[in-house]
Amino acid sequence: MIVEAARRLEIPRRLRALVRARESSLIALAALVGVIGGLVVGVMGGGVDLLHQFFFQLQPGERLSGQLSLNPVLAILVPTAGGLIFGIATEVIKRWRPDREIDPIEANALHGGRMSLIGSVIVAAQTVWSSGVGASVGLEAGYTQLASGIASRIGNAFRLRRADLRILVGCGAAAGIAGAFGAPLAGAFYGFELIIGSYAPSSLAPVGLSALIGYLVARSLSPADLGVVAPEQTTIVAHDLVLAATTGLLAAVVGILLMRGVALCEALFSRLRLRPALRTMVGGIVVGLLAMEAPQVMSSGHGALRVAGMLDLPLRSIALLFLLKILASIASLGSGFRGGLFFSSLLTGALGGHLLAVALTMFWPTVYFDPNAYAVIGMSALSASVIGGPLTMTFIALETTNDLWLTTAVLIAVIIAAQVTREVFGYSFATWRFHLRGETIRSAADIGWMRDLTVGKMMRQDVQTAHASSNIASFREAFPLSSTAYVVAVDEDDRYVGLVHVAEAHATEVSPDKSVKDLLHYTDDLLLPGMAVKEAVLAFDRAEAEALAVVDSYRDRHVTGLLTEAYVLRRYSAELERRRREMVGDE
């Protein structure tokens, strides 16, 4: 009912015009989205808490990922049955909505910020259920999906311009992350780095305000245990700043292995040809078996990462939890559960950083390596590798610890981790999933306009044609020098056979008795109406041509238009300049 009402939401024309005309109106919408983002965090987090209390017999206020022991029957039964139910529901939803749902990054990269509200609600509900039955997934994917989906619907109701709609989607994600982690600065930079794909003065006020309000609303709904609970005391000295780079390098290796592991797990399930219901059921069994050894691998913490509490465990338990948490995340996401790796990578990175400090102390017992400090450094570095957004992770560390020297070490680690991951692997977890589906998205930077600017929209349709069997004399009579630059040659079935330069046909050395087919160029170099501008530019470069014919298909080769390289480059440059002005707020 609520979703249907939101779908029919339509704003009066005068109010739409007012919002479109003033930047302050966009800021007001961003504030509204901030409230919604904070509510989303509170409602979804509360929903997962209720599921944990019901399924795992926890008391109010207890965290599933903070349990030191669980009923072994529940540890196996709940994720197994929950995975089966999730898989059956997924199959039903697929029949109803066969197209996959797009997330905020893909929406901003390819669709100008347009998202499905119904699809976002479905993804959020799937994420809550996945975490609620114990799958090792993070709620951040659901937070950002639903908050951004609602923001997109509001923006569409006001018929915002493409650039403004993308900013509003970023506001939704920023509010969700700020509320989830208790870190408004990190939430804002999450919106800039990962959802909008750039920082611009025009987006500073709306994204920053939305993140702040999302944090305040989420805090008012859940004032206790909000965000990352880091160790209270840390010590940073000169050698820690140097070794932070090593931590970042190791974090990049672990992050790449983690992302590869999820992809390999998905490929394994595909090779086994199991139905979706059985895939998630098997994933649930694996998580349950791991939870019998370390209950902390279940869920993700969904809003409160108890780093300090986890690091008080015995060293053997920390090492075991580090390994099992990675395996549980791979099994959960690889089998098809919904969720993200943000929370999981924070916990795994903290455990890994702690283990690194202990190992360094064993090799150099005369030097002190603060395990608490390395836990925060490892936490931020691994998340930067997996999620991307080095500044986002840096601000999470700063807002968690309020320690500038520690944040300096974190900055070194996240820069190294992000850069090595980008150089060696090339993707974050989100963009890696796009790559596996055949998309070429490297970030949320707006490239959708390139796909919208197609050959069919740029080509000339008033094409001059001539039969290839005619002679040059008749061709010269039909097409004087001043008439046109290019003529498309066709056969008796009106199929494309080549392109003729009119100036070449009028050259004195060309005999009037020659056939037009003797002057044909680019016989196999063609354009299709659906080609994007970037593909067209590459086609001109390969053919070394100034003009190419456009045909309906490579098989039929019926001519539909003509396109010149000069016009394509002019349009391409104009669109690039337009996007640049949008980015810096000149429009």
Protein backbone atom coordinates (compact mmCIF):
# COMPACT_ATOMS: atom_id res chain seq x y z
CA MET A 1 0.00 0.00 0.00
CA ILE A 2 2.77 2.46 0.95
CA VAL A 3 4.83 1.48 -2.07
CA GLU A 4 1.85 1.88 -4.40
CA ALA A 5 1.11 5.32 -2.96
CA ALA A 6 4.73 6.34 -3.43
CA ARG A 7 4.62 5.13 -7.02
CA ARG A 8 1.64 7.40 -7.74
CA LEU A 9 3.29 10.34 -5.99
CA GLU A 10 3.10 13.40 -8.21
CA ILE A 11 4.11 16.92 -7.25
CA PRO A 12 2.19 19.98 -8.50
CA ARG A 13 3.86 21.78 -11.38
CA ARG A 14 4.49 25.06 -9.53
CA LEU A 15 6.22 23.31 -6.67
CA ARG A 16 8.31 21.28 -9.11
CA ALA A 17 9.37 24.46 -10.88
CA LEU A 18 10.34 26.06 -7.56
CA VAL A 19 12.49 23.09 -6.57
CA ARG A 20 14.18 22.89 -9.97
CA ALA A 21 14.96 26.61 -9.95
CA ARG A 22 16.72 26.88 -6.55
CA GLU A 23 19.70 25.03 -5.10
CA SER A 24 18.29 25.63 -1.61
CA SER A 25 15.28 23.53 -2.56
CA LEU A 26 17.55 20.60 -3.32
CA ILE A 27 19.11 21.07 0.11
CA ALA A 28 15.63 20.92 1.66
CA LEU A 29 14.93 17.65 -0.17
CA ALA A 30 18.30 16.35 1.03
CA ALA A 31 17.27 17.09 4.61
CA LEU A 32 14.08 15.09 4.08
CA VAL A 33 16.11 12.24 2.62
CA GLY A 34 18.40 12.41 5.67
CA VAL A 35 15.41 11.86 7.96
CA ILE A 36 14.31 8.94 5.81
CA GLY A 37 17.81 7.45 5.80
CA GLY A 38 18.00 7.58 9.59
CA LEU A 39 14.56 5.95 9.87
CA VAL A 40 15.61 3.23 7.44
CA VAL A 41 18.62 2.40 9.61
CA GLY A 42 16.51 2.31 12.77
CA VAL A 43 13.70 0.20 11.30
CA MET A 44 15.94 -2.29 9.50
CA GLY A 45 18.29 -2.65 12.46
CA GLY A 46 15.33 -3.14 14.78
CA GLY A 47 13.87 -5.72 12.43
CA VAL A 48 17.07 -7.76 12.48
CA ASP A 49 17.21 -7.55 16.29
CA LEU A 50 13.67 -8.93 16.52
CA LEU A 51 14.51 -11.80 14.17
CA HIS A 52 17.60 -12.64 16.22
CA GLN A 53 15.58 -12.60 19.45
CA PHE A 54 12.92 -14.83 17.92
CA PHE A 55 15.10 -17.32 16.05
CA PHE A 56 18.12 -17.54 18.37
CA GLN A 57 16.35 -16.93 21.70
CA LEU A 58 18.40 -13.84 22.52
CA GLN A 59 17.45 -11.28 25.13
CA PRO A 60 16.69 -7.66 24.11
CA GLY A 61 19.93 -5.74 23.65
CA GLU A 62 22.04 -8.83 22.96
CA ARG A 63 23.93 -9.05 19.67
CA LEU A 64 24.11 -12.30 17.75
CA SER A 65 27.64 -11.53 16.54
CA GLY A 66 28.69 -10.89 20.14
CA GLN A 67 27.66 -14.30 21.50
CA LEU A 68 30.40 -16.57 22.79
CA SER A 69 28.19 -19.65 22.51
CA LEU A 70 24.97 -20.66 20.77
CA ASN A 71 22.56 -23.56 20.93
CA PRO A 72 24.12 -25.86 18.26
CA VAL A 73 20.70 -26.95 17.03
CA LEU A 74 19.65 -23.33 16.41
CA ALA A 75 23.06 -22.49 14.92
CA ILE A 76 22.48 -25.09 12.20
CA LEU A 77 18.71 -25.09 11.85
CA VAL A 78 18.02 -21.34 11.59
CA PRO A 79 20.41 -20.41 8.74
CA THR A 80 19.59 -23.66 6.90
CA ALA A 81 15.81 -23.21 7.05
CA GLY A 82 16.21 -19.47 6.58
CA GLY A 83 18.31 -20.06 3.45
CA LEU A 84 15.69 -22.45 2.05
CA ILE A 85 12.89 -19.95 2.64
CA PHE A 86 15.00 -17.14 1.19
CA GLY A 87 15.74 -19.18 -1.94
CA ILE A 88 12.08 -20.10 -2.49
CA ALA A 89 11.05 -16.47 -2.07
CA THR A 90 13.77 -15.41 -4.52
CA GLU A 91 12.44 -17.81 -7.15
CA VAL A 92 8.92 -16.45 -6.71
CA ILE A 93 10.14 -12.86 -6.95
CA LYS A 94 12.13 -13.69 -10.10
CA ARG A 95 8.96 -14.86 -11.83
CA TRP A 96 7.20 -11.66 -10.80
CA ARG A 97 10.17 -9.36 -11.52
CA PRO A 98 12.57 -11.12 -13.91
CA ASP A 99 14.87 -8.11 -14.25
CA ARG A 100 17.50 -7.75 -11.55
CA GLU A 101 17.35 -4.76 -9.25
CA ILE A 102 19.96 -2.04 -9.69
CA ASP A 103 21.83 -0.57 -6.75
CA PRO A 104 22.71 3.11 -6.17
CA ILE A 105 26.15 2.83 -7.81
CA GLU A 106 24.77 1.34 -11.01
CA ALA A 107 21.81 3.72 -10.97
CA ASN A 108 24.08 6.75 -10.83
CA ALA A 109 26.59 5.36 -13.32
CA LEU A 110 24.17 4.24 -16.02
CA HIS A 111 20.63 5.40 -15.31
CA GLY A 112 20.94 8.99 -14.17
CA GLY A 113 19.94 8.13 -10.61
CA ARG A 114 16.72 6.30 -11.48
CA MET A 115 15.94 3.38 -9.18
CA SER A 116 12.93 1.16 -8.63
CA LEU A 117 11.24 1.78 -5.28
CA ILE A 118 9.58 -1.63 -5.24
CA GLY A 119 12.89 -3.25 -6.11
CA SER A 120 14.64 -1.34 -3.34
CA VAL A 121 12.06 -2.49 -0.78
CA ILE A 122 12.56 -6.08 -1.94
CA VAL A 123 16.34 -5.84 -1.62
CA ALA A 124 16.06 -4.27 1.84
CA ALA A 125 13.66 -7.00 3.01
CA GLN A 126 15.95 -9.71 1.62
CA THR A 127 18.91 -8.14 3.43
CA VAL A 128 17.04 -8.00 6.74
CA TRP A 129 16.01 -11.65 6.39
CA SER A 130 19.51 -12.76 5.40
CA SER A 131 21.11 -11.09 8.41
CA GLY A 132 18.19 -12.09 10.62
CA VAL A 133 18.69 -15.81 10.01
CA GLY A 134 22.41 -15.52 10.69
CA ALA A 135 23.98 -15.22 7.22
CA SER A 136 27.34 -13.45 7.41
CA VAL A 137 26.30 -10.37 5.46
CA GLY A 138 26.19 -6.67 6.21
CA LEU A 139 23.07 -4.54 6.36
CA GLU A 140 24.77 -1.58 4.71
CA ALA A 141 23.64 -2.78 1.26
CA GLY A 142 20.02 -2.70 2.43
CA TYR A 143 20.42 0.66 4.16
CA THR A 144 21.81 2.37 1.09
CA GLN A 145 19.48 0.56 -1.34
CA LEU A 146 16.26 1.54 0.42
CA ALA A 147 17.30 5.06 1.42
CA SER A 148 18.59 5.80 -2.08
CA GLY A 149 15.57 4.16 -3.69
CA ILE A 150 13.19 6.40 -1.74
CA ALA A 151 15.37 9.41 -2.55
CA SER A 152 15.24 8.52 -6.24
CA ARG A 153 11.46 8.25 -6.12
CA ILE A 154 11.19 11.66 -4.44
CA GLY A 155 13.52 13.15 -7.04
CA ASN A 156 11.49 11.65 -9.88
CA ALA A 157 8.30 13.05 -8.38
CA PHE A 158 9.88 16.51 -8.57
CA ARG A 159 11.30 15.67 -12.02
CA LEU A 160 14.77 16.72 -10.97
CA ARG A 161 17.49 17.15 -13.54
CA ARG A 162 19.84 14.23 -14.05
CA ALA A 163 22.68 15.79 -12.04
CA ASP A 164 20.39 16.75 -9.14
CA LEU A 165 18.77 13.31 -9.04
CA ARG A 166 22.18 11.66 -8.82
CA ILE A 167 23.06 13.94 -5.90
CA LEU A 168 19.82 13.05 -4.11
CA VAL A 169 20.54 9.33 -4.52
CA GLY A 170 23.96 10.00 -2.98
CA CYS A 171 22.22 11.79 -0.11
CA GLY A 172 20.17 8.69 0.65
CA ALA A 173 23.23 6.46 0.79
CA ALA A 174 25.16 9.03 2.86
CA ALA A 175 22.36 9.22 5.42
CA GLY A 176 22.18 5.43 5.67
CA ILE A 177 25.90 4.95 6.21
CA ALA A 178 26.14 7.89 8.63
CA GLY A 179 23.31 6.43 10.69
CA ALA A 180 24.68 2.90 10.58
CA PHE A 181 28.20 3.78 11.69
CA GLY A 182 27.52 6.85 13.79
CA ALA A 183 29.86 8.77 11.51
CA PRO A 184 28.37 11.68 9.56
CA LEU A 185 31.65 12.65 7.88
CA ALA A 186 32.23 9.07 6.73
CA GLY A 187 28.64 8.92 5.50
CA ALA A 188 29.07 12.10 3.47
CA PHE A 189 32.27 10.87 1.85
CA TYR A 190 30.66 7.50 1.17
CA GLY A 191 28.11 9.42 -0.86
CA PHE A 192 30.80 11.41 -2.67
CA GLU A 193 33.28 8.60 -3.37
CA LEU A 194 31.08 5.58 -3.96
CA ILE A 195 27.62 6.77 -5.00
CA ILE A 196 28.07 10.09 -6.80
CA GLY A 197 31.58 9.29 -7.99
CA SER A 198 32.95 12.80 -7.51
CA TYR A 199 33.04 15.75 -5.18
CA ALA A 200 31.66 19.12 -6.26
CA PRO A 201 30.77 22.31 -4.37
CA SER A 202 27.16 21.95 -5.54
CA SER A 203 26.82 18.59 -3.79
CA LEU A 204 28.57 19.51 -0.53
CA ALA A 205 25.62 21.07 1.28
CA PRO A 206 22.93 18.51 0.37
CA VAL A 207 25.08 15.42 0.95
CA GLY A 208 26.67 16.77 4.13
CA LEU A 209 23.33 17.85 5.61
CA SER A 210 21.67 14.57 4.71
CA ALA A 211 24.46 12.57 6.37
CA LEU A 212 24.28 14.69 9.53
CA ILE A 213 20.50 14.39 9.83
CA GLY A 214 20.64 10.65 9.10
CA TYR A 215 23.12 10.25 11.94
CA LEU A 216 21.00 12.29 14.37
CA VAL A 217 17.77 10.45 13.53
CA ALA A 218 19.40 7.02 13.82
CA ARG A 219 21.00 8.03 17.11
CA SER A 220 17.66 9.20 18.50
CA LEU A 221 16.11 5.83 17.61
CA SER A 222 19.01 3.77 18.99
CA PRO A 223 21.19 5.91 21.29
CA ALA A 224 23.18 2.96 22.65
CA ASP A 225 25.94 1.09 20.82
CA LEU A 226 25.68 3.20 17.69
CA GLY A 227 28.44 2.70 15.15
CA VAL A 228 31.89 1.21 15.48
CA VAL A 229 33.01 0.66 19.07
CA ALA A 230 36.80 0.88 18.87
CA PRO A 231 39.46 0.33 21.54
CA GLU A 232 39.68 3.28 23.91
CA GLN A 233 43.48 3.67 24.18
CA THR A 234 45.94 3.48 21.32
CA THR A 235 49.61 4.39 21.01
CA ILE A 236 51.15 5.61 17.74
CA VAL A 237 54.89 6.15 17.28
CA ALA A 238 57.08 6.78 14.24
CA HIS A 239 57.60 3.15 13.21
CA ASP A 240 53.81 2.61 13.19
CA LEU A 241 53.46 5.17 10.41
CA VAL A 242 55.98 3.22 8.34
CA LEU A 243 54.41 -0.17 9.05
CA ALA A 244 50.97 1.20 8.21
CA ALA A 245 51.98 0.86 4.55
CA THR A 246 52.71 -2.84 5.13
CA THR A 247 49.32 -3.22 6.77
CA GLY A 248 47.70 -1.62 3.74
CA LEU A 249 49.54 -3.97 1.40
CA LEU A 250 48.49 -7.06 3.35
CA ALA A 251 44.93 -5.75 3.56
CA ALA A 252 44.85 -5.42 -0.24
CA VAL A 253 45.93 -9.05 -0.60
CA VAL A 254 43.25 -10.27 1.82
CA GLY A 255 40.63 -8.03 0.20
CA ILE A 256 41.37 -9.34 -3.29
CA LEU A 257 41.27 -12.94 -2.05
CA LEU A 258 37.96 -12.27 -0.32
CA MET A 259 36.36 -10.81 -3.45
CA ARG A 260 37.78 -13.58 -5.62
CA GLY A 261 36.48 -16.10 -3.12
CA VAL A 262 32.91 -14.84 -3.43
CA ALA A 263 33.13 -15.04 -7.22
CA LEU A 264 34.58 -18.57 -7.09
CA CYS A 265 31.85 -19.66 -4.69
CA GLU A 266 29.18 -18.31 -7.04
CA ALA A 267 30.82 -20.10 -9.96
CA LEU A 268 30.92 -23.34 -7.98
CA PHE A 269 27.22 -23.18 -7.19
CA SER A 270 26.47 -22.39 -10.85
CA ARG A 271 28.52 -25.39 -11.95
CA LEU A 272 26.59 -27.62 -9.54
CA ARG A 273 23.36 -26.34 -11.16
CA LEU A 274 21.50 -26.16 -7.89
CA ARG A 275 18.23 -24.25 -7.70
CA PRO A 276 18.43 -20.92 -5.83
CA ALA A 277 16.53 -22.36 -2.87
CA LEU A 278 19.07 -25.16 -2.47
CA ARG A 279 22.03 -22.80 -2.96
CA THR A 280 21.13 -20.56 -0.05
CA MET A 281 20.18 -23.59 2.02
CA VAL A 282 23.67 -25.06 1.48
CA GLY A 283 25.16 -21.63 2.27
CA GLY A 284 23.16 -21.59 5.49
CA ILE A 285 24.44 -25.03 6.44
CA VAL A 286 28.05 -23.88 5.93
CA VAL A 287 27.51 -20.78 8.06
CA GLY A 288 25.84 -22.85 10.76
CA LEU A 289 28.72 -25.31 10.89
CA LEU A 290 31.21 -22.44 11.17
CA ALA A 291 29.08 -20.81 13.87
CA MET A 292 29.28 -23.94 16.01
CA GLU A 293 33.00 -23.22 16.32
CA ALA A 294 32.77 -19.39 16.41
CA PRO A 295 29.26 -17.90 16.84
CA GLN A 296 30.63 -14.42 16.08
CA VAL A 297 30.75 -15.24 12.36
CA MET A 298 26.96 -14.99 12.17
CA SER A 299 25.29 -11.83 10.94
CA SER A 300 27.51 -8.75 10.87
CA GLY A 301 26.80 -6.60 13.90
CA HIS A 302 24.28 -4.51 11.86
CA GLY A 303 25.09 -1.11 13.31
CA ALA A 304 27.48 -1.83 16.19
CA LEU A 305 30.86 -3.38 15.49
CA ARG A 306 32.23 -4.37 18.92
CA VAL A 307 35.92 -4.25 18.00
CA ALA A 308 36.96 -3.69 21.59
CA GLY A 309 35.05 -6.73 22.84
CA MET A 310 36.29 -8.99 20.06
CA LEU A 311 39.93 -8.11 20.73
CA ASP A 312 39.62 -9.26 24.34
CA LEU A 313 39.29 -12.86 23.13
CA PRO A 314 42.27 -15.27 23.42
CA LEU A 315 44.76 -15.03 20.55
CA ARG A 316 43.81 -18.47 19.19
CA SER A 317 40.15 -17.45 19.13
CA ILE A 318 40.97 -14.22 17.28
CA ALA A 319 42.97 -16.10 14.62
CA LEU A 320 40.21 -18.69 14.22
CA LEU A 321 37.51 -16.03 14.02
CA PHE A 322 39.53 -14.12 11.41
CA LEU A 323 39.63 -17.18 9.14
CA LEU A 324 36.07 -18.37 9.78
CA LYS A 325 34.56 -14.92 9.28
CA ILE A 326 36.12 -14.77 5.80
CA LEU A 327 34.79 -18.24 4.96
CA ALA A 328 31.33 -17.41 6.32
CA SER A 329 31.13 -14.20 4.26
CA ILE A 330 32.20 -16.05 1.11
CA ALA A 331 29.67 -18.84 1.70
CA SER A 332 26.83 -16.41 2.47
CA LEU A 333 27.27 -14.06 -0.46
CA GLY A 334 28.46 -16.75 -2.87
CA SER A 335 25.37 -18.87 -2.21
CA GLY A 336 23.00 -15.99 -2.90
CA PHE A 337 22.13 -14.34 0.41
CA ARG A 338 21.56 -10.59 0.16
CA GLY A 339 23.87 -8.15 1.88
CA GLY A 340 27.24 -6.49 1.71
CA LEU A 341 30.81 -6.87 2.88
CA PHE A 342 31.24 -3.51 4.62
CA PHE A 343 30.57 -4.60 8.21
CA SER A 344 32.25 -7.96 7.68
CA SER A 345 35.39 -6.40 6.26
CA LEU A 346 35.60 -3.99 9.20
CA LEU A 347 35.52 -6.82 11.71
CA THR A 348 37.84 -9.06 9.69
CA GLY A 349 40.30 -6.20 9.17
CA ALA A 350 40.32 -5.38 12.87
CA LEU A 351 41.08 -8.99 13.76
CA GLY A 352 43.79 -9.16 11.09
CA GLY A 353 45.40 -5.94 12.28
CA HIS A 354 45.47 -7.26 15.84
CA LEU A 355 47.11 -10.50 14.68
CA LEU A 356 49.70 -8.52 12.69
CA ALA A 357 50.67 -6.51 15.77
CA VAL A 358 51.10 -9.69 17.80
CA ALA A 359 53.21 -11.27 15.05
CA LEU A 360 55.42 -8.17 14.82
CA THR A 361 55.92 -8.23 18.60
CA MET A 362 57.04 -11.86 18.41
CA PHE A 363 59.69 -11.00 15.80
CA TRP A 364 60.80 -7.75 17.49
CA PRO A 365 60.14 -8.17 21.21
CA THR A 366 62.07 -5.01 22.04
CA VAL A 367 59.65 -2.83 20.03
CA TYR A 368 56.09 -2.15 21.11
CA PHE A 369 53.33 -2.59 18.54
CA ASP A 370 49.96 -1.52 19.90
CA PRO A 371 47.41 -4.23 18.95
CA ASN A 372 44.53 -1.79 19.42
CA ALA A 373 46.05 0.71 16.99
CA TYR A 374 46.74 -1.96 14.37
CA ALA A 375 43.20 -3.25 14.77
CA VAL A 376 41.85 0.15 13.70
CA ILE A 377 44.41 0.44 10.89
CA GLY A 378 43.61 -3.06 9.62
CA MET A 379 39.88 -2.45 9.92
CA SER A 380 40.05 0.64 7.73
CA ALA A 381 42.57 -0.74 5.23
CA LEU A 382 40.67 -3.96 4.47
CA SER A 383 37.42 -2.07 4.04
CA ALA A 384 39.13 0.39 1.71
CA SER A 385 40.31 -2.55 -0.39
CA VAL A 386 36.92 -4.27 -0.52
CA ILE A 387 34.54 -1.32 -0.58
CA GLY A 388 36.72 1.43 -2.03
CA GLY A 389 36.44 4.97 -0.70
CA PRO A 390 39.70 5.57 1.19
CA LEU A 391 38.50 8.87 2.62
CA THR A 392 35.32 7.20 3.87
CA MET A 393 37.37 4.70 5.84
CA THR A 394 39.72 7.39 7.10
CA PHE A 395 36.83 9.40 8.51
CA ILE A 396 35.32 6.30 10.12
CA ALA A 397 38.61 5.85 11.97
CA LEU A 398 38.75 9.53 12.93
CA GLU A 399 35.16 9.68 14.15
CA THR A 400 35.58 6.39 16.00
CA THR A 401 38.82 7.15 17.83
CA ASN A 402 39.11 10.96 17.81
CA ASP A 403 42.85 10.34 17.41
CA LEU A 404 44.55 12.40 14.69
CA TRP A 405 47.87 10.54 14.86
CA LEU A 406 46.12 7.20 14.51
CA THR A 407 44.08 8.62 11.64
CA THR A 408 47.34 9.61 9.93
CA ALA A 409 48.48 5.98 10.06
CA VAL A 410 45.06 4.88 8.82
CA LEU A 411 45.29 7.30 5.89
CA ILE A 412 48.62 5.78 4.83
CA ALA A 413 47.20 2.26 5.06
CA VAL A 414 43.97 2.95 3.17
CA ILE A 415 45.78 4.77 0.36
CA ILE A 416 48.13 1.80 -0.11
CA ALA A 417 45.30 -0.74 0.16
CA ALA A 418 43.03 1.10 -2.27
CA GLN A 419 45.79 1.78 -4.80
CA VAL A 420 47.20 -1.75 -4.78
CA THR A 421 43.70 -3.19 -5.15
CA ARG A 422 42.98 -0.86 -8.03
CA GLU A 423 46.28 -1.63 -9.78
CA VAL A 424 46.24 -5.40 -9.27
CA PHE A 425 42.53 -6.20 -9.21
CA GLY A 426 40.91 -3.13 -10.73
CA TYR A 427 37.59 -3.22 -8.89
CA SER A 428 35.87 -2.80 -5.57
CA PHE A 429 33.42 -5.50 -4.45
CA ALA A 430 30.42 -3.70 -5.97
CA THR A 431 32.07 -2.96 -9.31
CA TRP A 432 33.58 -6.47 -9.41
CA ARG A 433 30.05 -7.89 -9.30
CA PHE A 434 29.15 -5.63 -12.24
CA HIS A 435 32.19 -6.91 -14.11
CA LEU A 436 31.07 -10.51 -13.61
CA ARG A 437 27.74 -9.61 -15.20
CA GLY A 438 29.47 -8.08 -18.22
CA GLU A 439 29.14 -4.41 -17.23
CA THR A 440 32.13 -2.09 -17.60
CA ILE A 441 31.50 0.04 -14.52
CA ARG A 442 34.58 1.07 -12.55
CA SER A 443 32.84 3.63 -10.32
CA ALA A 444 29.62 5.60 -9.94
CA ALA A 445 30.88 8.32 -12.29
CA ASP A 446 28.10 9.11 -14.76
CA ILE A 447 28.76 7.20 -17.97
CA GLY A 448 25.11 6.53 -18.73
CA TRP A 449 24.96 9.56 -21.02
CA MET A 450 27.53 7.84 -23.25
CA ARG A 451 25.17 4.94 -23.73
CA ASP A 452 22.22 7.25 -24.26
CA LEU A 453 24.09 9.20 -26.96
CA THR A 454 23.78 6.58 -29.69
CA VAL A 455 24.55 6.49 -33.40
CA GLY A 456 20.83 6.40 -34.11
CA LYS A 457 20.37 9.76 -32.37
CA MET A 458 23.31 11.41 -34.13
CA MET A 459 23.10 10.09 -37.68
CA ARG A 460 21.72 11.90 -40.73
CA GLN A 461 18.74 10.10 -42.21
CA ASP A 462 18.65 12.00 -45.53
CA VAL A 463 21.14 9.63 -47.13
CA GLN A 464 22.07 9.89 -50.83
CA THR A 465 22.30 6.43 -52.43
CA ALA A 466 23.44 5.11 -55.82
CA HIS A 467 23.51 1.64 -57.37
CA ALA A 468 26.97 0.12 -57.42
CA SER A 469 26.36 -1.22 -60.93
CA SER A 470 25.89 2.26 -62.47
CA ASN A 471 28.74 3.96 -64.34
CA ILE A 472 30.69 7.02 -63.29
CA ALA A 473 29.14 9.22 -66.00
CA SER A 474 25.61 8.74 -64.67
CA PHE A 475 26.92 9.10 -61.11
CA ARG A 476 28.49 12.48 -61.94
CA GLU A 477 25.26 13.64 -63.49
CA ALA A 478 23.21 12.59 -60.47
CA PHE A 479 25.66 13.94 -57.89
CA PRO A 480 27.50 17.15 -58.87
CA LEU A 481 30.54 18.20 -56.85
CA SER A 482 28.61 20.67 -54.75
CA SER A 483 25.71 18.34 -53.93
CA THR A 484 27.15 16.15 -51.15
CA ALA A 485 30.46 14.77 -49.93
CA TYR A 486 29.54 11.08 -49.65
CA VAL A 487 27.13 8.76 -51.42
CA VAL A 488 26.16 5.31 -50.15
CA ALA A 489 26.37 2.58 -52.78
CA VAL A 490 23.79 -0.22 -52.64
CA ASP A 491 23.16 -3.37 -54.69
CA GLU A 492 19.99 -4.36 -56.51
CA ASP A 493 18.43 -5.47 -53.18
CA ASP A 494 19.21 -2.09 -51.59
CA ARG A 495 21.88 -3.65 -49.37
CA TYR A 496 24.93 -1.61 -48.43
CA VAL A 497 28.05 -2.38 -50.43
CA GLY A 498 30.31 0.63 -49.81
CA LEU A 499 30.80 4.38 -49.62
CA VAL A 500 31.75 6.65 -52.54
CA HIS A 501 33.64 9.95 -52.24
CA VAL A 502 31.92 12.36 -54.66
CA ALA A 503 35.12 14.35 -55.16
CA GLU A 504 36.98 11.18 -56.13
CA ALA A 505 34.29 10.26 -58.66
CA HIS A 506 34.72 13.68 -60.32
CA ALA A 507 38.52 13.39 -60.54
CA THR A 508 39.87 13.82 -64.10
CA GLU A 509 41.86 10.60 -63.97
CA VAL A 510 38.70 8.55 -63.36
CA SER A 511 37.18 7.27 -66.62
CA PRO A 512 33.45 7.99 -67.12
CA ASP A 513 33.02 4.42 -68.31
CA LYS A 514 34.18 2.95 -65.03
CA SER A 515 31.66 1.35 -62.64
CA VAL A 516 30.80 2.89 -59.27
CA LYS A 517 31.87 -0.36 -57.60
CA ASP A 518 35.45 0.45 -58.61
CA LEU A 519 35.43 3.44 -56.22
CA LEU A 520 33.93 1.80 -53.17
CA HIS A 521 35.44 2.38 -49.73
CA TYR A 522 34.70 0.94 -46.26
CA THR A 523 32.82 -2.06 -47.62
CA ASP A 524 33.01 -3.88 -44.27
CA ASP A 525 33.15 -0.88 -41.93
CA LEU A 526 29.65 -0.15 -40.67
CA LEU A 527 27.81 1.44 -37.79
CA LEU A 528 24.63 0.23 -36.08
CA PRO A 529 21.96 2.59 -34.68
CA GLY A 530 22.34 1.17 -31.17
CA MET A 531 26.07 1.82 -30.91
CA ALA A 532 27.07 4.26 -28.18
CA VAL A 533 29.18 7.30 -28.98
CA LYS A 534 32.33 5.69 -27.60
CA GLU A 535 31.89 2.65 -29.85
CA ALA A 536 31.35 4.96 -32.82
CA VAL A 537 34.58 6.85 -32.10
CA LEU A 538 36.49 3.56 -31.96
CA ALA A 539 34.88 2.41 -35.23
CA PHE A 540 35.99 5.57 -37.02
CA ASP A 541 39.49 5.15 -35.63
CA ARG A 542 39.74 1.53 -36.77
CA ALA A 543 38.46 2.32 -40.28
CA GLU A 544 40.48 5.55 -40.55
CA ALA A 545 37.32 7.01 -42.07
CA GLU A 546 35.76 10.46 -42.02
CA ALA A 547 32.25 9.10 -42.58
CA LEU A 548 30.55 5.71 -42.21
CA ALA A 549 27.18 4.32 -43.21
CA VAL A 550 24.65 3.21 -40.61
CA VAL A 551 22.77 -0.03 -41.32
CA ASP A 552 19.93 -1.79 -39.55
CA SER A 553 21.99 -4.95 -38.95
CA TYR A 554 25.17 -6.63 -40.12
CA ARG A 555 23.11 -9.36 -41.76
CA ASP A 556 20.52 -7.31 -43.70
CA ARG A 557 22.78 -4.24 -44.29
CA HIS A 558 19.86 -1.95 -45.17
CA VAL A 559 21.03 1.66 -44.92
CA THR A 560 19.34 3.84 -42.31
CA GLY A 561 21.70 6.79 -42.11
CA LEU A 562 25.16 8.35 -42.41
CA LEU A 563 27.44 9.68 -39.70
CA THR A 564 30.63 11.71 -39.92
CA GLU A 565 33.55 11.51 -37.51
CA ALA A 566 33.67 15.30 -37.13
CA TYR A 567 30.07 15.45 -35.92
CA VAL A 568 30.58 12.56 -33.48
CA LEU A 569 33.65 14.18 -31.95
CA ARG A 570 31.88 17.54 -31.72
CA ARG A 571 28.89 16.02 -29.92
CA TYR A 572 31.15 13.97 -27.68
CA SER A 573 33.21 17.03 -26.70
CA ALA A 574 30.08 19.09 -26.08
CA GLU A 575 28.63 16.43 -23.76
CA LEU A 576 31.92 16.10 -21.90
CA GLU A 577 31.98 19.85 -21.34
CA ARG A 578 28.40 19.80 -20.19
CA ARG A 579 29.14 17.07 -17.62
CA ARG A 580 32.20 18.99 -16.46
CA ARG A 581 30.10 22.09 -15.84
CA GLU A 582 27.55 20.02 -13.94
CA MET A 583 30.32 18.56 -11.79
CA VAL A 584 31.77 21.92 -10.77
CA GLY A 585 28.38 23.57 -10.47
CA ASP A 586 28.71 26.06 -13.34
CA GLU A 587 25.22 25.36 -14.64
